Protein backbone atom coordinates (compact mmCIF):
# COMPACT_ATOMS: atom_id res chain seq x y z
CA MET A 1 -1.64 -24.57 -10.87
CA ILE A 2 -5.00 -22.83 -11.22
CA VAL A 3 -5.57 -23.19 -7.47
CA VAL A 4 -2.19 -21.53 -6.81
CA ASN A 5 -3.09 -18.71 -9.20
CA ILE A 6 -6.45 -18.09 -7.55
CA LEU A 7 -4.96 -18.17 -4.05
CA GLY A 8 -2.17 -15.82 -5.16
CA PHE A 9 -4.69 -13.41 -6.68
CA VAL A 10 -6.87 -13.41 -3.55
CA PHE A 11 -3.79 -12.94 -1.36
CA LEU A 12 -2.59 -10.03 -3.50
CA LEU A 13 -5.91 -8.18 -3.42
CA GLY A 14 -6.47 -9.02 0.22
CA LEU A 15 -3.08 -7.68 1.27
CA VAL A 16 -3.19 -4.34 -0.56
CA ILE A 17 -6.80 -3.74 0.55
CA LEU A 18 -6.10 -4.84 4.14
CA ILE A 19 -3.17 -2.43 4.41
CA HIS A 20 -5.22 0.40 2.92
CA GLU A 21 -8.18 -0.05 5.25
CA LEU A 22 -5.87 -0.65 8.22
CA GLY A 23 -4.48 2.84 7.68
CA HIS A 24 -7.98 4.33 7.90
CA TYR A 25 -8.83 2.19 10.93
CA ILE A 26 -5.71 2.99 12.96
CA MET A 27 -6.03 6.74 12.49
CA ALA A 28 -9.78 6.66 13.14
CA LYS A 29 -9.23 4.85 16.44
CA ARG A 30 -6.47 7.29 17.40
CA ALA A 31 -8.92 10.14 16.79
CA GLY A 32 -11.61 8.46 18.93
CA ILE A 33 -13.94 7.74 16.00
CA LEU A 34 -16.34 4.83 16.47
CA CYS A 35 -15.67 2.17 13.78
CA HIS A 36 -18.70 -0.07 13.25
CA GLU A 37 -17.10 -2.53 10.84
CA PHE A 38 -13.75 -3.37 9.26
CA ALA A 39 -14.52 -5.39 6.12
CA LEU A 40 -12.38 -7.13 3.50
CA GLY A 41 -14.30 -7.67 0.30
CA MET A 42 -17.83 -6.67 -0.64
CA GLY A 43 -21.21 -8.38 -0.66
CA PRO A 44 -22.55 -10.95 1.83
CA ILE A 45 -20.55 -11.67 4.98
CA LEU A 46 -18.77 -15.04 4.95
CA TYR A 47 -17.11 -14.72 8.35
CA SER A 48 -17.23 -12.14 11.10
CA LYS A 49 -15.96 -11.65 14.63
CA LYS A 50 -16.73 -8.82 17.01
CA LYS A 51 -13.74 -7.38 18.85
CA GLY A 52 -14.38 -4.42 21.08
CA GLU A 53 -16.65 -1.98 19.29
CA THR A 54 -15.79 -3.17 15.77
CA LEU A 55 -17.09 -6.09 13.70
CA PHE A 56 -14.25 -7.57 11.64
CA SER A 57 -15.64 -9.35 8.58
CA ILE A 58 -14.65 -11.14 5.40
CA ARG A 59 -17.15 -10.73 2.58
CA ALA A 60 -17.92 -12.89 -0.44
CA ILE A 61 -16.54 -10.75 -3.28
CA PRO A 62 -12.75 -10.37 -2.83
CA ILE A 63 -12.63 -6.91 -4.37
CA GLY A 64 -12.55 -3.78 -2.25
CA GLY A 65 -13.15 -3.27 1.42
CA PHE A 66 -14.20 -0.58 3.85
CA VAL A 67 -14.09 0.80 7.37
CA SER A 68 -17.57 1.90 8.42
CA MET A 69 -17.10 4.95 10.64
CA ALA A 70 -19.72 6.72 12.76
CA GLY A 71 -20.97 9.82 11.02
CA GLU A 72 -20.83 8.32 7.52
CA GLU A 73 -24.27 6.71 7.82
CA MET A 74 -27.54 8.61 8.27
CA THR A 75 -28.62 7.49 11.76
CA THR A 76 -30.13 10.72 13.08
CA GLU A 77 -33.50 9.85 11.51
CA LEU A 78 -33.73 6.33 12.95
CA VAL A 79 -35.44 7.51 16.12
CA LYS A 80 -37.86 10.36 15.53
CA VAL A 81 -40.47 12.09 17.61
CA GLY A 82 -43.82 10.41 17.16
CA ARG A 83 -42.28 7.00 16.40
CA GLU A 84 -42.87 3.93 18.54
CA VAL A 85 -39.76 2.02 19.66
CA ARG A 86 -39.02 -0.58 22.31
CA LEU A 87 -36.33 -0.01 24.94
CA VAL A 88 -34.18 -2.52 26.79
CA PHE A 89 -32.79 -1.38 30.14
CA GLY A 90 -29.66 -2.48 31.96
CA ASP A 91 -29.14 -2.97 35.68
CA ASP A 92 -28.37 0.72 36.04
CA GLU A 93 -31.79 1.62 34.58
CA ARG A 94 -30.17 3.12 31.48
CA VAL A 95 -31.18 2.09 27.96
CA THR A 96 -28.86 -0.54 26.43
CA HIS A 97 -30.82 -1.39 23.26
CA ILE A 98 -33.26 0.56 21.09
CA VAL A 99 -35.47 -1.87 19.12
CA LEU A 100 -36.60 0.07 16.07
CA ASP A 101 -39.31 -2.39 15.00
CA PRO A 102 -42.04 -2.51 17.67
CA THR A 103 -43.08 -5.96 16.44
CA ASP A 104 -39.58 -7.43 16.87
CA GLN A 105 -39.92 -10.11 19.58
CA ARG A 106 -36.21 -10.84 20.06
CA TYR A 107 -36.34 -8.77 23.27
CA PRO A 108 -39.62 -9.82 24.96
CA ASP A 109 -38.91 -7.75 28.08
CA ALA A 110 -38.39 -4.54 26.11
CA GLU A 111 -40.62 -1.62 27.07
CA SER A 112 -42.68 -0.02 24.29
CA VAL A 113 -42.61 3.79 24.26
CA MET A 114 -43.80 6.58 21.99
CA VAL A 115 -40.94 9.00 21.37
CA GLU A 116 -41.81 12.48 22.62
CA PHE A 117 -38.33 14.00 22.68
CA VAL A 118 -34.94 12.52 21.92
CA ASP A 119 -31.23 13.37 21.75
CA LEU A 120 -28.85 10.55 20.83
CA GLN A 121 -25.94 12.75 19.80
CA ALA A 122 -25.47 15.19 22.68
CA LYS A 123 -23.61 17.82 20.70
CA ASP A 124 -23.60 19.95 23.85
CA GLY A 125 -21.67 17.21 25.68
CA GLY A 126 -24.63 16.26 27.85
CA LYS A 127 -26.41 12.95 28.37
CA LEU A 128 -28.18 10.87 25.74
CA TYR A 129 -31.91 10.29 26.28
CA ILE A 130 -35.22 9.14 24.85
CA ASN A 131 -38.08 10.87 26.67
CA HIS A 132 -36.92 10.79 30.30
CA HIS A 133 -34.84 7.63 29.89
CA GLU A 134 -31.08 8.04 29.86
CA VAL A 135 -29.36 6.09 27.06
CA ARG A 136 -25.94 4.57 27.53
CA ARG A 137 -23.26 5.96 25.22
CA ASP A 138 -22.48 2.43 24.05
CA ALA A 139 -26.12 1.40 23.52
CA PHE A 140 -27.23 -0.34 20.31
CA TYR A 141 -29.84 0.16 17.64
CA VAL A 142 -31.56 -3.16 16.94
CA LEU A 143 -32.34 -3.39 13.22
CA SER A 144 -33.95 -6.27 11.36
CA ASN A 145 -30.65 -7.85 10.31
CA LYS A 146 -28.05 -6.47 12.69
CA GLU A 147 -27.26 -4.44 15.75
CA MET A 148 -25.39 -1.14 15.40
CA GLN A 149 -23.83 0.83 18.22
CA ILE A 150 -25.16 4.35 18.54
CA ALA A 151 -22.68 7.12 17.95
CA PRO A 152 -22.69 10.22 20.16
CA TYR A 153 -21.49 13.28 18.31
CA ASP A 154 -18.04 13.20 19.92
CA ARG A 155 -17.48 9.66 18.52
CA SER A 156 -18.42 10.60 14.94
CA PHE A 157 -16.08 11.43 12.09
CA GLU A 158 -17.59 14.86 11.54
CA SER A 159 -16.95 15.96 15.15
CA LYS A 160 -13.18 15.65 14.88
CA LYS A 161 -10.70 18.39 14.12
CA LEU A 162 -9.83 19.01 10.49
CA GLY A 163 -6.34 17.56 10.94
CA GLN A 164 -7.70 14.37 12.50
CA ARG A 165 -10.14 13.86 9.65
CA PHE A 166 -7.43 14.56 7.08
CA GLY A 167 -5.12 12.04 8.75
CA THR A 168 -7.86 9.38 8.85
CA ILE A 169 -8.58 9.74 5.13
CA VAL A 170 -5.03 10.06 3.84
CA ALA A 171 -3.72 7.19 5.98
CA GLY A 172 -5.14 4.56 3.60
CA PRO A 173 -3.13 5.63 0.52
CA VAL A 174 -0.07 6.36 2.69
CA MET A 175 -0.14 2.79 4.01
CA ASN A 176 -0.23 1.51 0.41
CA PHE A 177 2.87 3.54 -0.40
CA LEU A 178 4.60 2.27 2.75
CA LEU A 179 3.75 -1.33 1.85
CA ALA A 180 5.23 -0.84 -1.62
CA LEU A 181 8.34 0.77 -0.15
CA VAL A 182 8.87 -2.21 2.18
CA ILE A 183 8.32 -4.66 -0.68
CA PHE A 184 10.75 -2.85 -2.98
CA PHE A 185 13.30 -2.76 -0.15
CA ILE A 186 12.98 -6.51 0.43
CA ALA A 187 13.23 -7.18 -3.30
CA SER A 188 16.35 -5.01 -3.50
CA LEU A 189 17.94 -7.02 -0.69
CA PHE A 190 17.26 -10.31 -2.47
CA VAL A 191 18.29 -9.12 -5.92
CA GLY A 192 21.21 -7.03 -4.75
CA GLN A 193 22.64 -3.98 -6.50
CA PRO A 194 24.07 -4.09 -10.03
CA VAL A 195 27.85 -3.85 -10.07
CA GLU A 196 28.16 -1.56 -13.09
CA SER A 197 31.74 -0.56 -12.37
CA ASP A 198 32.85 -4.05 -13.43
CA THR A 199 32.26 -5.55 -16.89
CA GLU A 200 31.82 -9.13 -15.72
CA ILE A 201 28.66 -10.69 -17.19
CA GLY A 202 26.24 -11.75 -14.46
CA GLY A 203 23.55 -13.20 -16.69
CA VAL A 204 22.77 -14.09 -20.30
CA ALA A 205 19.16 -14.14 -21.49
CA PRO A 206 18.13 -17.47 -23.07
CA GLU A 207 17.88 -17.38 -26.89
CA SER A 208 19.35 -13.87 -26.95
CA PRO A 209 22.03 -12.83 -29.46
CA ALA A 210 24.69 -13.19 -26.75
CA ASP A 211 23.41 -16.67 -25.85
CA ARG A 212 23.51 -17.82 -29.47
CA ALA A 213 27.01 -16.38 -29.84
CA GLY A 214 28.25 -18.42 -26.88
CA LEU A 215 28.70 -15.77 -24.17
CA VAL A 216 28.25 -17.17 -20.66
CA GLU A 217 28.01 -15.91 -17.11
CA GLY A 218 31.45 -14.98 -15.78
CA ASP A 219 32.82 -13.67 -19.09
CA ARG A 220 34.37 -10.21 -18.81
CA LEU A 221 33.90 -7.70 -21.63
CA ILE A 222 37.06 -5.98 -22.81
CA GLU A 223 36.24 -4.32 -26.13
CA ILE A 224 33.29 -3.70 -28.46
CA ASN A 225 34.22 -2.86 -32.05
CA GLY A 226 37.72 -2.01 -30.88
CA MET A 227 36.44 0.41 -28.20
CA PRO A 228 37.90 -0.34 -24.73
CA ILE A 229 35.21 -1.17 -22.16
CA SER A 230 35.61 -0.31 -18.46
CA ASP A 231 32.00 -0.23 -17.15
CA TRP A 232 28.41 -0.82 -18.24
CA ASP A 233 27.93 2.76 -19.39
CA ASP A 234 30.67 2.04 -21.94
CA ILE A 235 28.81 -1.10 -23.01
CA ARG A 236 25.54 0.76 -23.56
CA MET A 237 27.31 3.54 -25.45
CA ALA A 238 29.20 1.10 -27.67
CA LEU A 239 26.02 -0.78 -28.60
CA ARG A 240 24.34 2.49 -29.60
CA SER A 241 27.27 3.70 -31.72
CA GLY A 242 27.70 2.81 -35.39
CA ASP A 243 24.95 1.47 -37.60
CA TRP A 244 21.82 0.29 -35.81
CA GLY A 245 21.32 -3.45 -36.06
CA ALA A 246 24.74 -4.03 -37.61
CA PRO A 247 26.93 -6.86 -36.22
CA VAL A 248 29.45 -5.84 -33.53
CA ASP A 249 32.72 -7.50 -32.55
CA VAL A 250 32.68 -8.23 -28.82
CA THR A 251 35.96 -9.17 -27.14
CA ILE A 252 35.68 -11.05 -23.86
CA GLU A 253 38.14 -12.47 -21.39
CA ARG A 254 37.53 -16.08 -20.34
CA ASP A 255 39.97 -18.25 -18.36
CA GLY A 256 42.80 -15.82 -19.07
CA ALA A 257 42.27 -15.85 -22.86
CA ASP A 258 40.75 -13.15 -25.09
CA ILE A 259 37.95 -14.35 -27.37
CA VAL A 260 36.22 -12.32 -30.10
CA HIS A 261 32.54 -12.93 -30.92
CA THR A 262 30.58 -11.25 -33.71
CA ILE A 263 27.07 -10.52 -32.42
CA THR A 264 24.10 -8.85 -34.10
CA PRO A 265 22.09 -6.87 -31.49
CA ARG A 266 18.32 -7.15 -31.31
CA LEU A 267 16.52 -3.84 -31.89
CA SER A 268 13.25 -3.28 -30.04
CA PHE A 269 10.78 -0.65 -31.27
CA PHE A 270 8.41 -0.08 -28.35
CA ALA A 271 6.22 2.55 -30.03
CA TYR A 272 5.28 -0.06 -32.63
CA GLY A 273 5.64 -3.22 -30.59
CA PHE A 274 8.06 -5.35 -32.57
CA SER A 275 11.74 -6.23 -32.69
CA SER A 276 14.34 -7.13 -35.30
CA ASP A 277 15.48 -10.64 -36.14
CA PRO A 278 19.19 -10.64 -35.24
CA THR A 279 19.74 -13.95 -37.02
CA VAL A 280 19.22 -12.29 -40.43
CA ASP A 281 22.08 -10.06 -41.57
CA ASP A 282 21.25 -9.38 -45.23
CA ALA A 283 17.66 -8.11 -44.90
CA VAL A 284 15.46 -6.03 -42.60
CA VAL A 285 13.37 -8.85 -41.12
CA VAL A 286 10.90 -8.67 -38.22
CA GLY A 287 11.61 -10.88 -35.20
CA THR A 288 9.00 -10.86 -32.41
CA VAL A 289 5.67 -9.00 -32.40
CA GLY A 290 4.12 -7.99 -29.06
CA ASN A 291 0.50 -8.66 -28.12
CA ASN A 292 -1.95 -5.74 -28.13
CA THR A 293 0.53 -3.38 -29.78
CA ALA A 294 0.45 -1.17 -32.85
CA ALA A 295 2.12 -4.01 -34.77
CA SER A 296 -0.37 -6.68 -33.69
CA ASN A 297 -3.31 -4.32 -34.32
CA ALA A 298 -2.10 -3.14 -37.75
CA ARG A 299 -4.57 -2.99 -40.64
CA GLU A 300 -4.05 -3.44 -44.34
CA LEU A 301 -3.93 0.02 -45.94
CA ASN A 302 -7.29 1.45 -47.04
CA THR A 303 -9.22 -1.41 -45.41
CA ASP A 304 -10.57 -2.21 -41.98
CA THR A 305 -9.10 -5.70 -42.15
CA ARG A 306 -6.84 -6.37 -39.18
CA THR A 307 -3.55 -7.63 -40.65
CA PRO A 308 -0.90 -7.93 -37.94
CA LEU A 309 2.77 -7.54 -38.65
CA GLN A 310 4.28 -11.02 -38.55
CA THR A 311 7.54 -12.65 -37.56
CA GLY A 312 9.55 -13.08 -40.75
CA ASP A 313 8.10 -10.06 -42.56
CA GLU A 314 10.77 -8.20 -44.56
CA ILE A 315 10.35 -4.41 -44.34
CA LEU A 316 10.63 -2.78 -47.80
CA SER A 317 9.60 0.82 -47.09
CA ILE A 318 8.29 3.04 -44.31
CA GLY A 319 6.61 6.45 -44.14
CA TYR A 320 3.86 8.56 -42.63
CA ALA A 321 0.30 7.90 -43.76
CA GLY A 322 -0.45 10.18 -46.72
CA ASP A 323 3.22 10.69 -47.62
CA THR A 324 5.42 8.85 -50.07
CA PRO A 325 7.18 6.05 -48.18
CA THR A 326 10.99 5.84 -48.00
CA PRO A 327 12.71 2.66 -49.22
CA VAL A 328 14.40 0.63 -46.47
CA THR A 329 17.78 -0.97 -47.05
CA SER A 330 18.94 -1.40 -43.44
CA TRP A 331 17.72 -1.16 -39.88
CA ASP A 332 19.45 2.22 -39.77
CA ASP A 333 16.76 3.53 -42.15
CA VAL A 334 13.99 2.24 -39.85
CA VAL A 335 15.62 3.72 -36.73
CA THR A 336 16.18 7.10 -38.40
CA PHE A 337 12.50 7.30 -39.32
CA MET A 338 11.19 6.16 -35.94
CA GLN A 339 13.46 8.48 -33.97
CA ASP A 340 11.69 11.42 -35.64
CA ASN A 341 8.20 10.03 -34.95
CA GLU A 342 7.77 12.19 -31.84
CA GLN A 343 4.03 12.74 -32.23
CA GLY A 344 3.08 9.11 -32.79
CA ARG A 345 1.91 9.85 -36.33
CA ASP A 346 0.07 7.16 -38.26
CA THR A 347 2.57 5.12 -40.25
CA ILE A 348 2.53 2.80 -43.25
CA ILE A 349 5.05 -0.01 -43.60
CA GLU A 350 5.35 -2.09 -46.77
CA VAL A 351 6.42 -5.68 -46.09
CA ARG A 352 7.15 -8.81 -48.10
CA ARG A 353 6.01 -12.10 -46.58
CA ASP A 354 5.59 -15.76 -47.32
CA ASP A 355 1.85 -16.43 -47.48
CA ASN A 356 1.28 -20.19 -47.70
CA GLY A 357 4.22 -20.64 -50.04
CA ASP A 358 3.52 -17.52 -52.10
CA THR A 359 5.60 -14.35 -51.74
CA VAL A 360 3.23 -11.41 -51.33
CA THR A 361 3.64 -7.70 -50.62
CA LYS A 362 1.37 -5.93 -48.13
CA THR A 363 1.15 -2.32 -47.02
CA LEU A 364 0.20 -2.10 -43.36
CA PHE A 365 -1.29 0.85 -41.47
CA PHE A 366 -0.03 1.47 -37.89
CA GLU A 367 -1.13 3.72 -35.03
CA PRO A 368 2.06 3.86 -32.90
CA LEU A 369 2.49 5.26 -29.41
CA ASP A 370 4.14 8.63 -29.00
CA ASN A 371 7.87 8.50 -28.23
CA ASP A 372 7.50 11.21 -25.59
CA PHE A 373 4.77 9.17 -23.90
CA LEU A 374 7.08 6.15 -23.75
CA ARG A 375 9.91 8.20 -22.28
CA GLY A 376 7.42 9.41 -19.68
CA GLN A 377 6.96 5.74 -18.78
CA ARG A 378 10.75 5.44 -18.42
CA VAL A 379 10.96 3.38 -21.62
CA GLU A 380 13.37 4.28 -24.39
CA PRO A 381 11.42 4.02 -27.67
CA ILE A 382 14.28 2.19 -29.41
CA GLN A 383 16.68 -0.17 -27.66
CA SER A 384 19.68 -2.10 -28.94
CA ALA A 385 20.64 -5.08 -26.79
CA ILE A 386 22.52 -8.36 -27.01
CA GLY A 387 20.95 -9.93 -23.91
CA ILE A 388 23.51 -9.62 -21.13
CA GLY A 389 23.38 -8.17 -17.62
CA PRO A 390 25.84 -7.20 -14.88
CA THR A 391 26.60 -9.11 -11.70
CA TYR A 392 24.68 -8.21 -8.53
CA ALA A 393 25.98 -7.85 -4.98
CA PHE A 394 24.21 -7.64 -1.62
CA ASP A 395 24.18 -4.08 -0.27
CA PHE A 396 21.87 -3.42 2.69
CA PHE A 397 22.26 0.35 2.80
CA ALA A 398 21.99 0.82 -0.97
CA ALA A 399 18.63 -1.00 -0.86
CA PHE A 400 17.02 2.02 0.87
CA PRO A 401 17.56 4.57 -1.93
CA THR A 402 16.88 1.87 -4.54
CA ALA A 403 13.47 1.18 -2.97
CA GLY A 404 12.74 4.91 -2.84
CA ARG A 405 13.68 5.39 -6.50
CA GLN A 406 11.51 2.45 -7.52
CA LEU A 407 8.56 3.84 -5.56
CA GLY A 408 9.06 7.23 -7.23
CA ALA A 409 9.40 5.66 -10.68
CA VAL A 410 6.21 3.62 -10.30
CA SER A 411 4.30 6.64 -8.97
CA MET A 412 5.42 8.82 -11.90
CA GLN A 413 4.57 6.04 -14.33
CA ILE A 414 1.02 5.88 -12.97
CA PHE A 415 0.74 9.68 -12.99
CA ARG A 416 1.82 9.88 -16.62
CA THR A 417 -0.43 7.02 -17.62
CA ILE A 418 -3.43 8.81 -16.12
CA GLY A 419 -2.33 11.93 -17.98
CA ALA A 420 -2.15 9.95 -21.20
CA LEU A 421 -5.76 8.82 -20.72
CA PHE A 422 -6.79 12.45 -21.16
CA GLY A 423 -4.04 13.67 -23.48
CA ASP A 424 -3.30 10.82 -25.91
CA SER A 425 -6.04 9.68 -28.29
CA ARG A 426 -4.32 6.30 -28.65
CA VAL A 427 -4.62 5.57 -24.94
CA GLY A 428 -8.15 5.12 -23.63
CA VAL A 429 -10.24 3.69 -20.83
CA GLY A 430 -10.49 0.48 -22.85
CA ASP A 431 -6.76 -0.08 -22.28
CA LEU A 432 -7.16 -0.24 -18.50
CA ALA A 433 -7.10 -3.60 -16.73
CA GLY A 434 -9.78 -4.60 -14.23
CA PRO A 435 -9.89 -7.58 -11.87
CA ILE A 436 -9.94 -10.12 -14.69
CA GLY A 437 -7.01 -8.46 -16.43
CA ILE A 438 -5.14 -8.15 -13.14
CA TYR A 439 -5.74 -11.84 -12.47
CA ASP A 440 -4.32 -12.72 -15.89
CA ILE A 441 -1.20 -10.60 -15.26
CA THR A 442 -0.88 -12.01 -11.74
CA THR A 443 -0.74 -15.58 -13.09
CA GLN A 444 2.19 -14.57 -15.27
CA PHE A 445 4.11 -13.10 -12.33
CA ILE A 446 3.36 -16.15 -10.18
CA SER A 447 4.85 -18.36 -12.89
CA GLN A 448 8.01 -16.23 -12.89
CA GLY A 449 8.71 -16.78 -9.20
CA ALA A 450 8.04 -15.43 -5.72
CA LEU A 451 10.25 -12.35 -6.11
CA ASP A 452 8.54 -11.16 -9.30
CA PHE A 453 5.16 -11.78 -7.67
CA LEU A 454 6.25 -9.76 -4.63
CA VAL A 455 7.28 -6.78 -6.78
CA TRP A 456 3.94 -7.01 -8.62
CA ILE A 457 2.17 -6.69 -5.25
CA GLY A 458 4.20 -3.54 -4.58
CA PHE A 459 3.28 -2.14 -7.99
CA LEU A 460 -0.44 -2.73 -7.41
CA SER A 461 -0.22 -1.27 -3.91
CA VAL A 462 1.13 1.97 -5.38
CA ASN A 463 -1.68 1.90 -7.95
CA LEU A 464 -4.33 1.54 -5.26
CA GLY A 465 -2.84 4.34 -3.17
CA PHE A 466 -2.41 6.67 -6.14
CA ILE A 467 -5.87 6.09 -7.62
CA ASN A 468 -7.53 6.64 -4.24
CA LEU A 469 -5.89 10.06 -4.07
CA LEU A 470 -7.55 11.22 -7.29
CA PRO A 471 -9.84 14.19 -6.52
CA ILE A 472 -13.02 12.26 -7.35
CA PRO A 473 -16.03 11.91 -5.02
CA ALA A 474 -16.38 8.40 -3.56
CA LEU A 475 -12.58 8.13 -3.42
CA ASP A 476 -10.28 9.30 -0.62
CA GLY A 477 -9.05 12.14 -2.83
CA GLY A 478 -12.59 13.45 -3.25
CA ARG A 479 -13.07 13.49 0.52
CA LEU A 480 -9.83 15.42 0.85
CA VAL A 481 -11.16 17.98 -1.63
CA PHE A 482 -14.22 18.51 0.57
CA LEU A 483 -11.94 18.96 3.58
CA GLY A 484 -9.92 21.47 1.59
CA TYR A 485 -13.08 23.42 0.85
CA GLU A 486 -13.94 23.38 4.56
CA ALA A 487 -10.49 24.66 5.46
CA VAL A 488 -10.79 27.58 3.03
CA ALA A 489 -14.48 28.42 3.49
CA ARG A 490 -14.43 27.83 7.26
CA ARG A 491 -17.57 25.72 6.99
CA PRO A 492 -18.19 22.13 5.93
CA VAL A 493 -19.87 21.14 2.70
CA ASN A 494 -23.57 20.42 3.10
CA LYS A 495 -23.70 16.76 4.18
CA THR A 496 -26.61 15.93 1.87
CA VAL A 497 -24.80 17.44 -1.11
CA GLU A 498 -21.57 15.61 -0.25
CA ASN A 499 -23.29 12.25 0.19
CA THR A 500 -25.21 12.72 -3.06
CA LEU A 501 -22.02 13.45 -4.98
CA HIS A 502 -20.32 10.42 -3.42
CA PHE A 503 -23.27 8.21 -4.39
CA ILE A 504 -23.47 9.46 -7.99
CA MET A 505 -19.75 9.01 -8.54
CA PHE A 506 -19.86 5.59 -6.89
CA VAL A 507 -22.49 4.48 -9.42
CA LEU A 508 -20.39 5.88 -12.28
CA LEU A 509 -17.29 4.10 -10.98
CA ILE A 510 -19.19 0.81 -10.76
CA THR A 511 -20.32 1.33 -14.38
CA LEU A 512 -16.72 1.98 -15.40
CA PHE A 513 -15.68 -1.11 -13.45
CA VAL A 514 -18.15 -3.27 -15.42
CA PHE A 515 -16.97 -1.77 -18.73
CA ILE A 516 -13.32 -2.47 -17.93
CA ALA A 517 -14.17 -6.02 -16.83
CA PHE A 518 -15.97 -6.56 -20.14
CA ASN A 519 -12.87 -5.40 -22.04
CA ASP A 520 -10.77 -7.75 -19.90
CA VAL A 521 -12.89 -10.66 -21.13
CA LEU A 522 -12.54 -9.56 -24.76
CA ARG A 523 -8.76 -9.33 -24.42
CA LEU A 524 -8.60 -12.83 -22.94
CA LEU A 525 -10.75 -14.20 -25.76
CA ASN A 526 -8.36 -12.54 -28.21
């Protein structure tokens, strides 16, 4: 299974990076920009093949990739007046290779010359030359470890119109969004569209309240607590009415007969990261506790000792840190309190638990997420559910708007998450996932099936496209900012200044990358 996970991870990264760089490459070629290399991965080259002007390569580290375009590298200083080089001539007496190291013996017939005057860019549209020797426009520099085609000014990135440069840069992120849109469309075709106008049950979650009560696929809901049900909006409304967490009478139709089941919904509190235990009716008892949540990271009050909330804990009281807690007699009391916790205020919860056969009482300190932040992630802070879903039907045309909505939802989720990094003290850089964290999540999606894995690829593709559009030097968004300055100021940013900013930010991003990877390892060890 580990081989499958590794191959799936490499495929995922390779696909989203390939699509991104392909966008840059296609638009660069359309604009007439010389592309030296199209690389997947970073580090040493494992495999390469030259096709036309471009070297296509696969590199050792399967993270990242690039399209090396003429004008991005500093080649104008490679051949300077007063420098000795060796020239290789073709049958037409024009220079085909410029050997930069005079001691390089790979071209024994090369002619040694001292450069007296040179123009290898021809900004005026004229010929390229070294001294009186004409240089072919597709000639090569011969370096110690590679050959690189020279780039006349009209083949460089910087020579192109503003619109062409903008299109070349923005095409990478746009291709990521298009890939995600295609993936979400395909997933919508396979899954189908929920038939919410009919109350037939299409699925029952294993070990859910509905499953334990005996509901099965094909049952049709008729009433909930005496309220007639005609569609799934009615079902959601009925489960939210009345006392939270209290048992509900669900009437279903099965084989022409009406059957009544009494079901206790499961309550999920996403700001805190735990749910209720629907099998306990006479006490407020915790069911599941999520990993890396406020509940799992809780501390015992007035200590730094991490004391997670546990399955089976009975909640006795709840309140804001520093205030007198309110006694809890039902889940309704917990919901009422948490619905008002709009600012994610620190909370104390007193619980009673069985500790190795002894009944003990502990007061736990929580740092919950903000309810508004969760709603920004399209998550309702409190949910009441019994574990059923509607039927799904194939609908080709409905898959288009569904894919578009999913793309928009994922984009907004990423946008709000980035906003939370700067606006919510409980969300920090340490919560981000790097390659190791992404690999861990990827293994989970692979285990859930091909369709879930496919949607995960779409989600990551949107992430890559969105992050690259951030207005940060070294990213596509930073390059777009420089183009915006050029459009307003009517002159480009000084190339040395731009390259320096890109380099500095690249180093900072690599440092951040290492920090996030370190946190990934700590989370896995936890």
